[in-house]
Amino acid sequence: MRALHRVAQPAACGLLLLTFVLSAKAHAVYQGAGDFYAGMLHPLTSPEHVLPMLALGALAGQNGLKRCEFVLWAFPAAFAAGARIALSMTDLHGIFLSNILSAVLLGSLLAAAFRLPSWLIFILAVVVGLTHGYANGLVIVGQIRPVVFIAGLVFASFIQIAYTVAATSFLLRLRPSWIAIAVRVAGSWAAAIGLLVLSLSPRSLLLS
């Protein structure tokens, strides 16, 4: 546990720093890129979104591709809905906190390796998709075309979830014990990094 803490704390500091930098420079990074590509890149270059998406995909894969294939459409659909909500409601608070907590929750469930009911995974996919989609939708300002940008968001969320679900499910079907252990360890790391980010984040950011 001490070794995990020594490594995870610097990782959390790096994650928090990246979140600040990428948020501050989001428009500069994507200036000149098409709206579709900007939408596609935004969630894939924000650690606060990448970590929970990977954890959700791995959790679905851990519970079986056939049982959880609905995640492939439920999560992108919720992601799009969340981004659409952000266009008309820009003053919701606690979204960053919710997104980091989703990494803690999903990582913990992945580490526990419980066989979850399909309806619970569906709810998790929808709720996580809504909050992360909302956070991404907040960057749609100025001359950005909302429909095109959201299409990029949907594409990115689908690709990342699809690859993670498929890869996790395939690897676990190979049945070496170390793969199952590695997946659980990855979940514990996701949860640990999320907790450390929470502890290091200023209150103003968590409630923003």
N, C-alpha and C. Protein backbone atom coordinates (compact mmCIF):
# COMPACT_ATOMS: atom_id res chain seq x y z
N MET A 1 0.82 -1.20 0.00
CA MET A 1 0.00 0.00 0.00
C MET A 1 0.87 1.27 0.00
N ARG A 2 2.00 1.24 0.78
CA ARG A 2 2.87 2.40 0.78
C ARG A 2 3.48 2.65 -0.59
N ALA A 3 3.84 1.56 -1.25
CA ALA A 3 4.40 1.70 -2.61
C ALA A 3 3.37 2.28 -3.55
N LEU A 4 2.12 1.81 -3.42
CA LEU A 4 1.04 2.33 -4.26
C LEU A 4 0.85 3.81 -4.00
N HIS A 5 0.88 4.21 -2.72
CA HIS A 5 0.68 5.61 -2.38
C HIS A 5 1.81 6.47 -2.92
N ARG A 6 3.06 5.97 -2.84
CA ARG A 6 4.20 6.75 -3.33
C ARG A 6 4.11 7.00 -4.82
N VAL A 7 3.61 6.03 -5.56
CA VAL A 7 3.53 6.19 -7.01
C VAL A 7 2.25 6.91 -7.42
N ALA A 8 1.15 6.60 -6.72
CA ALA A 8 -0.14 7.16 -7.11
C ALA A 8 -0.23 8.65 -6.81
N GLN A 9 0.44 9.13 -5.74
CA GLN A 9 0.36 10.55 -5.42
C GLN A 9 0.98 11.42 -6.50
N PRO A 10 2.20 11.10 -7.00
CA PRO A 10 2.71 11.87 -8.13
C PRO A 10 1.82 11.77 -9.36
N ALA A 11 1.23 10.59 -9.57
CA ALA A 11 0.33 10.43 -10.72
C ALA A 11 -0.87 11.35 -10.58
N ALA A 12 -1.40 11.44 -9.36
CA ALA A 12 -2.55 12.32 -9.14
C ALA A 12 -2.17 13.78 -9.33
N CYS A 13 -0.99 14.15 -8.85
CA CYS A 13 -0.53 15.53 -9.05
C CYS A 13 -0.41 15.84 -10.54
N GLY A 14 0.13 14.89 -11.29
CA GLY A 14 0.25 15.07 -12.73
C GLY A 14 -1.10 15.17 -13.40
N LEU A 15 -2.04 14.33 -12.95
CA LEU A 15 -3.39 14.36 -13.51
C LEU A 15 -4.05 15.70 -13.25
N LEU A 16 -3.91 16.20 -12.02
CA LEU A 16 -4.51 17.49 -11.68
C LEU A 16 -3.88 18.61 -12.48
N LEU A 17 -2.55 18.58 -12.62
CA LEU A 17 -1.86 19.60 -13.40
C LEU A 17 -2.30 19.58 -14.85
N LEU A 18 -2.40 18.37 -15.42
CA LEU A 18 -2.86 18.25 -16.80
C LEU A 18 -4.27 18.79 -16.97
N THR A 19 -5.12 18.52 -15.98
CA THR A 19 -6.50 19.00 -16.05
C THR A 19 -6.53 20.51 -16.10
N PHE A 20 -5.74 21.16 -15.23
CA PHE A 20 -5.68 22.62 -15.23
C PHE A 20 -5.17 23.15 -16.56
N VAL A 21 -4.06 22.59 -17.03
CA VAL A 21 -3.42 23.09 -18.25
C VAL A 21 -4.32 22.91 -19.45
N LEU A 22 -4.90 21.70 -19.58
CA LEU A 22 -5.73 21.42 -20.74
C LEU A 22 -7.01 22.23 -20.73
N SER A 23 -7.56 22.48 -19.54
CA SER A 23 -8.77 23.29 -19.45
C SER A 23 -8.46 24.73 -19.83
N ALA A 24 -7.32 25.24 -19.36
CA ALA A 24 -6.98 26.64 -19.62
C ALA A 24 -6.65 26.89 -21.08
N LYS A 25 -6.10 25.87 -21.74
CA LYS A 25 -5.62 26.05 -23.10
C LYS A 25 -6.47 25.32 -24.13
N ALA A 26 -7.66 24.92 -23.74
CA ALA A 26 -8.49 24.10 -24.64
C ALA A 26 -8.71 24.78 -25.98
N HIS A 27 -9.06 26.07 -25.95
CA HIS A 27 -9.37 26.74 -27.21
C HIS A 27 -8.12 26.94 -28.05
N ALA A 28 -6.98 27.20 -27.38
CA ALA A 28 -5.74 27.38 -28.13
C ALA A 28 -5.31 26.09 -28.80
N VAL A 29 -5.48 24.98 -28.11
CA VAL A 29 -5.07 23.70 -28.67
C VAL A 29 -5.85 23.38 -29.93
N TYR A 30 -7.15 23.66 -29.91
CA TYR A 30 -8.00 23.25 -31.01
C TYR A 30 -8.23 24.35 -32.05
N GLN A 31 -7.58 25.50 -31.87
CA GLN A 31 -7.75 26.57 -32.83
C GLN A 31 -7.24 26.11 -34.19
N GLY A 32 -8.06 26.25 -35.18
CA GLY A 32 -7.69 25.83 -36.52
C GLY A 32 -8.13 24.43 -36.86
N ALA A 33 -8.47 23.63 -35.84
CA ALA A 33 -8.97 22.28 -36.11
C ALA A 33 -10.45 22.37 -36.43
N GLY A 34 -10.94 21.44 -37.23
CA GLY A 34 -12.36 21.41 -37.52
C GLY A 34 -13.14 21.13 -36.25
N ASP A 35 -14.39 21.55 -36.24
CA ASP A 35 -15.21 21.37 -35.04
C ASP A 35 -15.37 19.89 -34.69
N PHE A 36 -15.47 19.03 -35.70
CA PHE A 36 -15.61 17.60 -35.43
C PHE A 36 -14.36 17.07 -34.73
N TYR A 37 -13.20 17.43 -35.25
CA TYR A 37 -11.95 16.94 -34.65
C TYR A 37 -11.72 17.55 -33.28
N ALA A 38 -12.15 18.81 -33.12
CA ALA A 38 -12.04 19.43 -31.80
C ALA A 38 -12.89 18.68 -30.78
N GLY A 39 -14.12 18.33 -31.20
CA GLY A 39 -14.98 17.56 -30.31
C GLY A 39 -14.43 16.17 -30.03
N MET A 40 -13.82 15.57 -31.02
CA MET A 40 -13.26 14.23 -30.86
C MET A 40 -12.06 14.25 -29.91
N LEU A 41 -11.22 15.28 -30.03
CA LEU A 41 -9.99 15.34 -29.24
C LEU A 41 -10.22 15.78 -27.80
N HIS A 42 -11.24 16.59 -27.58
CA HIS A 42 -11.39 17.18 -26.25
C HIS A 42 -11.49 16.16 -25.12
N PRO A 43 -12.37 15.16 -25.19
CA PRO A 43 -12.43 14.19 -24.09
C PRO A 43 -11.23 13.26 -24.04
N LEU A 44 -10.55 13.10 -25.17
CA LEU A 44 -9.40 12.18 -25.21
C LEU A 44 -8.12 12.82 -24.71
N THR A 45 -8.12 14.14 -24.52
CA THR A 45 -6.94 14.84 -24.02
C THR A 45 -7.18 15.43 -22.64
N SER A 46 -8.27 15.05 -22.01
CA SER A 46 -8.59 15.53 -20.66
C SER A 46 -8.57 14.34 -19.71
N PRO A 47 -7.57 14.24 -18.84
CA PRO A 47 -7.46 13.08 -17.95
C PRO A 47 -8.69 12.83 -17.10
N GLU A 48 -9.39 13.90 -16.70
CA GLU A 48 -10.57 13.71 -15.86
C GLU A 48 -11.67 12.95 -16.60
N HIS A 49 -11.61 12.92 -17.94
CA HIS A 49 -12.59 12.17 -18.72
C HIS A 49 -12.04 10.81 -19.15
N VAL A 50 -10.77 10.77 -19.50
CA VAL A 50 -10.18 9.52 -19.99
C VAL A 50 -10.22 8.43 -18.93
N LEU A 51 -9.83 8.76 -17.71
CA LEU A 51 -9.75 7.75 -16.65
C LEU A 51 -11.10 7.10 -16.35
N PRO A 52 -12.18 7.86 -16.14
CA PRO A 52 -13.47 7.21 -15.90
C PRO A 52 -13.99 6.44 -17.11
N MET A 53 -13.73 6.93 -18.32
CA MET A 53 -14.19 6.21 -19.50
C MET A 53 -13.49 4.86 -19.63
N LEU A 54 -12.19 4.84 -19.35
CA LEU A 54 -11.47 3.57 -19.38
C LEU A 54 -11.99 2.63 -18.30
N ALA A 55 -12.26 3.17 -17.12
CA ALA A 55 -12.76 2.34 -16.02
C ALA A 55 -14.15 1.79 -16.35
N LEU A 56 -15.01 2.61 -16.95
CA LEU A 56 -16.34 2.14 -17.32
C LEU A 56 -16.26 1.04 -18.36
N GLY A 57 -15.43 1.25 -19.39
CA GLY A 57 -15.28 0.23 -20.42
C GLY A 57 -14.73 -1.06 -19.88
N ALA A 58 -13.73 -0.97 -18.99
CA ALA A 58 -13.16 -2.17 -18.40
C ALA A 58 -14.18 -2.88 -17.50
N LEU A 59 -14.99 -2.10 -16.79
CA LEU A 59 -16.01 -2.69 -15.92
C LEU A 59 -17.05 -3.45 -16.75
N ALA A 60 -17.47 -2.85 -17.86
CA ALA A 60 -18.41 -3.54 -18.74
C ALA A 60 -17.79 -4.80 -19.33
N GLY A 61 -16.53 -4.71 -19.76
CA GLY A 61 -15.85 -5.88 -20.29
C GLY A 61 -15.67 -6.96 -19.25
N GLN A 62 -15.40 -6.55 -18.01
CA GLN A 62 -15.24 -7.50 -16.91
C GLN A 62 -16.53 -8.28 -16.66
N ASN A 63 -17.67 -7.62 -16.88
CA ASN A 63 -18.96 -8.26 -16.65
C ASN A 63 -19.50 -8.97 -17.89
N GLY A 64 -18.74 -8.95 -18.98
CA GLY A 64 -19.11 -9.69 -20.17
C GLY A 64 -19.64 -8.83 -21.28
N LEU A 65 -19.05 -8.96 -22.46
CA LEU A 65 -19.44 -8.14 -23.61
C LEU A 65 -20.89 -8.36 -23.98
N LYS A 66 -21.34 -9.61 -23.99
CA LYS A 66 -22.72 -9.90 -24.40
C LYS A 66 -23.73 -9.31 -23.41
N ARG A 67 -23.40 -9.35 -22.11
CA ARG A 67 -24.31 -8.82 -21.10
C ARG A 67 -24.35 -7.30 -21.11
N CYS A 68 -23.25 -6.68 -21.53
CA CYS A 68 -23.12 -5.23 -21.38
C CYS A 68 -22.93 -4.50 -22.70
N GLU A 69 -23.31 -5.12 -23.80
CA GLU A 69 -23.08 -4.46 -25.09
C GLU A 69 -23.91 -3.19 -25.25
N PHE A 70 -24.95 -3.03 -24.42
CA PHE A 70 -25.75 -1.80 -24.46
C PHE A 70 -24.92 -0.57 -24.10
N VAL A 71 -23.81 -0.77 -23.39
CA VAL A 71 -22.94 0.36 -23.04
C VAL A 71 -22.42 1.05 -24.29
N LEU A 72 -22.28 0.29 -25.38
CA LEU A 72 -21.72 0.84 -26.61
C LEU A 72 -22.60 1.93 -27.21
N TRP A 73 -23.92 1.89 -26.91
CA TRP A 73 -24.78 2.97 -27.40
C TRP A 73 -25.29 3.86 -26.27
N ALA A 74 -25.47 3.29 -25.08
CA ALA A 74 -26.01 4.08 -23.97
C ALA A 74 -25.05 5.18 -23.53
N PHE A 75 -23.77 4.86 -23.45
CA PHE A 75 -22.81 5.87 -23.00
C PHE A 75 -22.65 7.01 -24.01
N PRO A 76 -22.42 6.73 -25.30
CA PRO A 76 -22.32 7.84 -26.26
C PRO A 76 -23.61 8.67 -26.34
N ALA A 77 -24.77 8.00 -26.24
CA ALA A 77 -26.04 8.74 -26.28
C ALA A 77 -26.16 9.68 -25.09
N ALA A 78 -25.81 9.18 -23.91
CA ALA A 78 -25.85 10.02 -22.71
C ALA A 78 -24.82 11.14 -22.80
N PHE A 79 -23.67 10.84 -23.39
CA PHE A 79 -22.62 11.84 -23.58
C PHE A 79 -23.15 12.99 -24.43
N ALA A 80 -23.83 12.64 -25.52
CA ALA A 80 -24.40 13.66 -26.41
C ALA A 80 -25.48 14.45 -25.69
N ALA A 81 -26.32 13.77 -24.91
CA ALA A 81 -27.38 14.45 -24.18
C ALA A 81 -26.80 15.43 -23.16
N GLY A 82 -25.74 15.01 -22.46
CA GLY A 82 -25.11 15.90 -21.50
C GLY A 82 -24.53 17.14 -22.15
N ALA A 83 -23.88 16.96 -23.31
CA ALA A 83 -23.33 18.10 -24.04
C ALA A 83 -24.43 19.03 -24.50
N ARG A 84 -25.55 18.45 -24.91
CA ARG A 84 -26.69 19.28 -25.35
C ARG A 84 -27.27 20.08 -24.19
N ILE A 85 -27.34 19.47 -23.03
CA ILE A 85 -27.84 20.18 -21.84
C ILE A 85 -26.96 21.37 -21.51
N ALA A 86 -25.65 21.21 -21.71
CA ALA A 86 -24.70 22.28 -21.39
C ALA A 86 -24.92 23.52 -22.26
N LEU A 87 -25.54 23.34 -23.42
CA LEU A 87 -25.78 24.49 -24.30
C LEU A 87 -26.81 25.44 -23.72
N SER A 88 -27.73 24.90 -22.93
CA SER A 88 -28.81 25.73 -22.39
C SER A 88 -28.70 25.95 -20.88
N MET A 89 -27.90 25.12 -20.21
CA MET A 89 -27.74 25.24 -18.75
C MET A 89 -26.24 25.23 -18.45
N THR A 90 -25.68 26.42 -18.29
CA THR A 90 -24.23 26.51 -18.11
C THR A 90 -23.82 26.74 -16.66
N ASP A 91 -24.78 26.74 -15.74
CA ASP A 91 -24.48 27.12 -14.37
C ASP A 91 -24.60 25.98 -13.37
N LEU A 92 -24.57 24.74 -13.83
CA LEU A 92 -24.60 23.61 -12.91
C LEU A 92 -23.25 23.50 -12.20
N HIS A 93 -23.30 23.25 -10.90
CA HIS A 93 -22.07 23.19 -10.10
C HIS A 93 -21.78 21.76 -9.66
N GLY A 94 -20.53 21.52 -9.34
CA GLY A 94 -20.12 20.21 -8.84
C GLY A 94 -19.86 19.18 -9.91
N ILE A 95 -19.76 19.61 -11.16
CA ILE A 95 -19.56 18.65 -12.25
C ILE A 95 -18.16 18.04 -12.20
N PHE A 96 -17.15 18.87 -11.93
CA PHE A 96 -15.79 18.33 -11.81
C PHE A 96 -15.73 17.31 -10.68
N LEU A 97 -16.36 17.63 -9.55
CA LEU A 97 -16.40 16.70 -8.42
C LEU A 97 -17.08 15.40 -8.82
N SER A 98 -18.20 15.50 -9.53
CA SER A 98 -18.92 14.30 -9.97
C SER A 98 -18.07 13.44 -10.89
N ASN A 99 -17.34 14.10 -11.78
CA ASN A 99 -16.53 13.34 -12.73
C ASN A 99 -15.36 12.63 -12.06
N ILE A 100 -14.74 13.26 -11.08
CA ILE A 100 -13.66 12.59 -10.35
C ILE A 100 -14.22 11.48 -9.48
N LEU A 101 -15.37 11.71 -8.85
CA LEU A 101 -16.00 10.66 -8.04
C LEU A 101 -16.37 9.45 -8.90
N SER A 102 -16.70 9.70 -10.17
CA SER A 102 -17.03 8.58 -11.05
C SER A 102 -15.82 7.68 -11.26
N ALA A 103 -14.63 8.27 -11.30
CA ALA A 103 -13.40 7.47 -11.42
C ALA A 103 -13.20 6.62 -10.17
N VAL A 104 -13.48 7.21 -9.01
CA VAL A 104 -13.34 6.48 -7.74
C VAL A 104 -14.33 5.32 -7.68
N LEU A 105 -15.59 5.59 -8.02
CA LEU A 105 -16.63 4.57 -7.95
C LEU A 105 -16.38 3.45 -8.95
N LEU A 106 -16.15 3.82 -10.20
CA LEU A 106 -15.94 2.80 -11.24
C LEU A 106 -14.67 2.00 -10.98
N GLY A 107 -13.62 2.68 -10.54
CA GLY A 107 -12.38 1.98 -10.22
C GLY A 107 -12.55 1.01 -9.07
N SER A 108 -13.33 1.41 -8.07
CA SER A 108 -13.58 0.53 -6.92
C SER A 108 -14.37 -0.70 -7.33
N LEU A 109 -15.39 -0.50 -8.15
CA LEU A 109 -16.18 -1.64 -8.62
C LEU A 109 -15.34 -2.58 -9.48
N LEU A 110 -14.47 -2.00 -10.29
CA LEU A 110 -13.58 -2.81 -11.12
C LEU A 110 -12.63 -3.63 -10.25
N ALA A 111 -12.11 -3.01 -9.21
CA ALA A 111 -11.18 -3.70 -8.31
C ALA A 111 -11.88 -4.80 -7.53
N ALA A 112 -13.14 -4.57 -7.16
CA ALA A 112 -13.89 -5.56 -6.39
C ALA A 112 -14.26 -6.77 -7.23
N ALA A 113 -14.40 -6.57 -8.54
CA ALA A 113 -14.70 -7.66 -9.48
C ALA A 113 -16.02 -8.36 -9.16
N PHE A 114 -16.99 -7.58 -8.65
CA PHE A 114 -18.32 -8.16 -8.45
C PHE A 114 -19.00 -8.35 -9.80
N ARG A 115 -19.85 -9.35 -9.88
CA ARG A 115 -20.69 -9.51 -11.08
C ARG A 115 -21.93 -8.65 -10.88
N LEU A 116 -21.95 -7.53 -11.55
CA LEU A 116 -23.00 -6.55 -11.34
C LEU A 116 -24.20 -6.83 -12.23
N PRO A 117 -25.41 -6.49 -11.77
CA PRO A 117 -26.58 -6.63 -12.63
C PRO A 117 -26.50 -5.68 -13.82
N SER A 118 -27.05 -6.09 -14.92
CA SER A 118 -26.97 -5.28 -16.14
C SER A 118 -27.60 -3.91 -15.96
N TRP A 119 -28.70 -3.85 -15.19
CA TRP A 119 -29.39 -2.56 -15.03
C TRP A 119 -28.52 -1.56 -14.29
N LEU A 120 -27.68 -2.03 -13.37
CA LEU A 120 -26.80 -1.12 -12.63
C LEU A 120 -25.72 -0.57 -13.56
N ILE A 121 -25.17 -1.42 -14.40
CA ILE A 121 -24.15 -0.95 -15.35
C ILE A 121 -24.76 0.04 -16.33
N PHE A 122 -26.01 -0.21 -16.72
CA PHE A 122 -26.70 0.73 -17.61
C PHE A 122 -26.85 2.10 -16.94
N ILE A 123 -27.27 2.10 -15.67
CA ILE A 123 -27.42 3.37 -14.95
C ILE A 123 -26.09 4.09 -14.83
N LEU A 124 -25.04 3.35 -14.51
CA LEU A 124 -23.71 3.95 -14.41
C LEU A 124 -23.28 4.57 -15.74
N ALA A 125 -23.52 3.85 -16.83
CA ALA A 125 -23.14 4.35 -18.15
C ALA A 125 -23.88 5.64 -18.48
N VAL A 126 -25.16 5.69 -18.15
CA VAL A 126 -25.96 6.88 -18.46
C VAL A 126 -25.55 8.07 -17.60
N VAL A 127 -25.42 7.85 -16.30
CA VAL A 127 -25.07 8.94 -15.39
C VAL A 127 -23.67 9.49 -15.69
N VAL A 128 -22.71 8.59 -15.86
CA VAL A 128 -21.35 9.02 -16.19
C VAL A 128 -21.32 9.73 -17.54
N GLY A 129 -22.06 9.21 -18.50
CA GLY A 129 -22.13 9.85 -19.81
C GLY A 129 -22.70 11.25 -19.74
N LEU A 130 -23.74 11.44 -18.93
CA LEU A 130 -24.37 12.75 -18.80
C LEU A 130 -23.42 13.78 -18.19
N THR A 131 -22.77 13.42 -17.09
CA THR A 131 -21.91 14.40 -16.41
C THR A 131 -20.66 14.73 -17.22
N HIS A 132 -20.07 13.72 -17.83
CA HIS A 132 -18.87 13.98 -18.64
C HIS A 132 -19.24 14.68 -19.95
N GLY A 133 -20.38 14.34 -20.51
CA GLY A 133 -20.84 15.04 -21.70
C GLY A 133 -21.12 16.50 -21.40
N TYR A 134 -21.72 16.76 -20.24
CA TYR A 134 -22.00 18.14 -19.84
C TYR A 134 -20.71 18.94 -19.73
N ALA A 135 -19.71 18.36 -19.07
CA ALA A 135 -18.44 19.06 -18.90
C ALA A 135 -17.80 19.38 -20.25
N ASN A 136 -17.88 18.47 -21.20
CA ASN A 136 -17.33 18.71 -22.53
C ASN A 136 -18.15 19.71 -23.30
N GLY A 137 -19.46 19.70 -23.09
CA GLY A 137 -20.32 20.64 -23.79
C GLY A 137 -20.11 22.08 -23.39
N LEU A 138 -19.56 22.31 -22.21
CA LEU A 138 -19.34 23.68 -21.74
C LEU A 138 -18.32 24.44 -22.58
N VAL A 139 -17.50 23.73 -23.35
CA VAL A 139 -16.48 24.42 -24.17
C VAL A 139 -17.05 24.86 -25.51
N ILE A 140 -18.31 24.54 -25.78
CA ILE A 140 -18.93 24.94 -27.05
C ILE A 140 -19.33 26.41 -26.95
N VAL A 141 -18.47 27.27 -27.39
CA VAL A 141 -18.70 28.71 -27.34
C VAL A 141 -18.26 29.33 -28.66
N GLY A 142 -18.62 30.58 -28.84
CA GLY A 142 -18.16 31.32 -30.01
C GLY A 142 -18.64 30.73 -31.32
N GLN A 143 -17.69 30.50 -32.23
CA GLN A 143 -18.02 30.05 -33.58
C GLN A 143 -18.09 28.53 -33.71
N ILE A 144 -17.93 27.81 -32.61
CA ILE A 144 -18.00 26.34 -32.67
C ILE A 144 -19.42 25.91 -33.03
N ARG A 145 -19.54 25.03 -34.00
CA ARG A 145 -20.85 24.52 -34.40
C ARG A 145 -21.23 23.36 -33.48
N PRO A 146 -22.27 23.55 -32.67
CA PRO A 146 -22.62 22.55 -31.65
C PRO A 146 -22.85 21.15 -32.20
N VAL A 147 -23.61 21.04 -33.29
CA VAL A 147 -23.94 19.71 -33.82
C VAL A 147 -22.69 18.97 -34.25
N VAL A 148 -21.79 19.67 -34.93
CA VAL A 148 -20.57 19.03 -35.42
C VAL A 148 -19.65 18.67 -34.26
N PHE A 149 -19.51 19.58 -33.30
CA PHE A 149 -18.66 19.33 -32.15
C PHE A 149 -19.17 18.13 -31.35
N ILE A 150 -20.49 18.08 -31.12
CA ILE A 150 -21.07 16.97 -30.35
C ILE A 150 -20.91 15.66 -31.11
N ALA A 151 -20.99 15.72 -32.45
CA ALA A 151 -20.75 14.50 -33.23
C ALA A 151 -19.35 13.97 -32.98
N GLY A 152 -18.38 14.87 -32.87
CA GLY A 152 -17.02 14.46 -32.55
C GLY A 152 -16.92 13.85 -31.16
N LEU A 153 -17.64 14.44 -30.20
CA LEU A 153 -17.68 13.89 -28.84
C LEU A 153 -18.23 12.47 -28.84
N VAL A 154 -19.33 12.28 -29.57
CA VAL A 154 -19.97 10.96 -29.62
C VAL A 154 -19.03 9.93 -30.24
N PHE A 155 -18.37 10.32 -31.33
CA PHE A 155 -17.44 9.40 -31.98
C PHE A 155 -16.32 8.99 -31.03
N ALA A 156 -15.73 9.97 -30.35
CA ALA A 156 -14.62 9.68 -29.44
C ALA A 156 -15.07 8.80 -28.28
N SER A 157 -16.23 9.10 -27.71
CA SER A 157 -16.71 8.30 -26.57
C SER A 157 -17.03 6.88 -27.00
N PHE A 158 -17.59 6.72 -28.19
CA PHE A 158 -17.89 5.37 -28.69
C PHE A 158 -16.62 4.57 -28.93
N ILE A 159 -15.64 5.19 -29.60
CA ILE A 159 -14.40 4.48 -29.91
C ILE A 159 -13.69 4.04 -28.65
N GLN A 160 -13.58 4.95 -27.69
CA GLN A 160 -12.84 4.60 -26.47
C GLN A 160 -13.56 3.51 -25.68
N ILE A 161 -14.87 3.64 -25.54
CA ILE A 161 -15.63 2.63 -24.80
C ILE A 161 -15.59 1.29 -25.53
N ALA A 162 -15.80 1.32 -26.84
CA ALA A 162 -15.85 0.08 -27.62
C ALA A 162 -14.54 -0.68 -27.53
N TYR A 163 -13.43 0.02 -27.71
CA TYR A 163 -12.13 -0.65 -27.66
C TYR A 163 -11.84 -1.20 -26.26
N THR A 164 -12.19 -0.43 -25.24
CA THR A 164 -11.89 -0.87 -23.87
C THR A 164 -12.75 -2.06 -23.48
N VAL A 165 -14.04 -2.01 -23.80
CA VAL A 165 -14.93 -3.14 -23.50
C VAL A 165 -14.45 -4.39 -24.23
N ALA A 166 -14.19 -4.25 -25.53
CA ALA A 166 -13.79 -5.41 -26.33
C ALA A 166 -12.45 -5.98 -25.86
N ALA A 167 -11.48 -5.11 -25.60
CA ALA A 167 -10.16 -5.58 -25.18
C ALA A 167 -10.22 -6.29 -23.83
N THR A 168 -10.94 -5.69 -22.88
CA THR A 168 -11.05 -6.30 -21.55
C THR A 168 -11.76 -7.64 -21.62
N SER A 169 -12.87 -7.68 -22.35
CA SER A 169 -13.63 -8.93 -22.48
C SER A 169 -12.80 -10.02 -23.14
N PHE A 170 -12.08 -9.65 -24.20
CA PHE A 170 -11.25 -10.63 -24.91
C PHE A 170 -10.14 -11.17 -24.02
N LEU A 171 -9.45 -10.28 -23.33
CA LEU A 171 -8.33 -10.71 -22.48
C LEU A 171 -8.80 -11.61 -21.34
N LEU A 172 -9.94 -11.27 -20.76
CA LEU A 172 -10.44 -12.08 -19.65
C LEU A 172 -10.90 -13.46 -20.12
N ARG A 173 -11.33 -13.55 -21.38
CA ARG A 173 -11.74 -14.86 -21.90
C ARG A 173 -10.55 -15.79 -22.10
N LEU A 174 -9.35 -15.23 -22.17
CA LEU A 174 -8.16 -16.07 -22.29
C LEU A 174 -7.89 -16.85 -21.01
N ARG A 175 -8.42 -16.33 -19.90
CA ARG A 175 -8.45 -17.01 -18.60
C ARG A 175 -7.14 -17.16 -17.83
N PRO A 176 -6.02 -16.57 -18.22
CA PRO A 176 -4.88 -16.58 -17.29
C PRO A 176 -5.24 -15.76 -16.05
N SER A 177 -4.88 -16.26 -14.89
CA SER A 177 -5.29 -15.59 -13.65
C SER A 177 -4.68 -14.20 -13.53
N TRP A 178 -3.49 -14.01 -14.11
CA TRP A 178 -2.83 -12.72 -13.94
C TRP A 178 -3.56 -11.60 -14.67
N ILE A 179 -4.30 -11.93 -15.74
CA ILE A 179 -5.04 -10.90 -16.46
C ILE A 179 -6.17 -10.36 -15.59
N ALA A 180 -6.91 -11.26 -14.95
CA ALA A 180 -7.98 -10.83 -14.05
C ALA A 180 -7.43 -9.98 -12.91
N ILE A 181 -6.28 -10.38 -12.40
CA ILE A 181 -5.65 -9.61 -11.32
C ILE A 181 -5.21 -8.24 -11.83
N ALA A 182 -4.65 -8.21 -13.03
CA ALA A 182 -4.19 -6.94 -13.61
C ALA A 182 -5.35 -5.97 -13.80
N VAL A 183 -6.50 -6.49 -14.25
CA VAL A 183 -7.68 -5.64 -14.43
C VAL A 183 -8.13 -5.06 -13.09
N ARG A 184 -8.12 -5.89 -12.05
CA ARG A 184 -8.52 -5.42 -10.73
C ARG A 184 -7.53 -4.40 -10.17
N VAL A 185 -6.25 -4.63 -10.42
CA VAL A 185 -5.24 -3.67 -9.97
C VAL A 185 -5.42 -2.33 -10.68
N ALA A 186 -5.72 -2.39 -11.98
CA ALA A 186 -5.97 -1.15 -12.73
C ALA A 186 -7.14 -0.39 -12.12
N GLY A 187 -8.18 -1.12 -11.71
CA GLY A 187 -9.31 -0.47 -11.06
C GLY A 187 -8.92 0.19 -9.76
N SER A 188 -8.10 -0.48 -8.97
CA SER A 188 -7.67 0.10 -7.70
C SER A 188 -6.82 1.35 -7.92
N TRP A 189 -6.02 1.35 -8.98
CA TRP A 189 -5.22 2.53 -9.30
C TRP A 189 -6.12 3.69 -9.73
N ALA A 190 -7.13 3.40 -10.52
CA ALA A 190 -8.06 4.45 -10.94
C ALA A 190 -8.74 5.08 -9.73
N ALA A 191 -9.19 4.24 -8.80
CA ALA A 191 -9.84 4.74 -7.59
C ALA A 191 -8.86 5.54 -6.74
N ALA A 192 -7.63 5.04 -6.60
CA ALA A 192 -6.63 5.73 -5.78
C ALA A 192 -6.27 7.09 -6.37
N ILE A 193 -6.09 7.14 -7.69
CA ILE A 193 -5.77 8.41 -8.34
C ILE A 193 -6.92 9.39 -8.18
N GLY A 194 -8.16 8.90 -8.33
CA GLY A 194 -9.32 9.76 -8.14
C GLY A 194 -9.37 10.34 -6.74
N LEU A 195 -9.12 9.52 -5.73
CA LEU A 195 -9.14 9.99 -4.34
C LEU A 195 -8.05 11.03 -4.09
N LEU A 196 -6.88 10.80 -4.65
CA LEU A 196 -5.79 11.75 -4.45
C LEU A 196 -6.06 13.07 -5.17
N VAL A 197 -6.67 12.99 -6.34
CA VAL A 197 -7.05 14.23 -7.04
C VAL A 197 -8.05 15.01 -6.20
N LEU A 198 -9.01 14.30 -5.59
CA LEU A 198 -9.98 14.97 -4.72
C LEU A 198 -9.29 15.65 -3.55
N SER A 199 -8.32 14.97 -2.97
CA SER A 199 -7.65 15.54 -1.80
C SER A 199 -6.76 16.72 -2.15
N LEU A 200 -6.27 16.76 -3.39
CA LEU A 200 -5.35 17.82 -3.80
C LEU A 200 -6.05 18.99 -4.49
N SER A 201 -7.30 18.81 -4.86
CA SER A 201 -8.02 19.84 -5.61
C SER A 201 -8.55 20.92 -4.68
N PRO A 202 -8.45 22.18 -5.07
CA PRO A 202 -9.04 23.25 -4.26
C PRO A 202 -10.56 23.15 -4.23
N ARG A 203 -11.14 23.59 -3.16
CA ARG A 203 -12.59 23.52 -2.99
C ARG A 203 -13.32 24.24 -4.12
N SER A 204 -12.76 25.36 -4.56
CA SER A 204 -13.41 26.14 -5.62
C SER A 204 -13.53 25.34 -6.90
N LEU A 205 -12.52 24.51 -7.21
CA LEU A 205 -12.56 23.69 -8.42
C LEU A 205 -13.57 22.56 -8.26
N LEU A 206 -13.59 21.93 -7.10
CA LEU A 206 -14.50 20.81 -6.88
C LEU A 206 -15.96 21.24 -6.99
N LEU A 207 -16.25 22.47 -6.58
CA LEU A 207 -17.63 22.94 -6.59
C LEU A 207 -17.98 23.71 -7.86
N SER A 208 -17.03 23.81 -8.78
CA SER A 208 -17.29 24.57 -10.00
C SER A 208 -18.08 23.74 -11.00
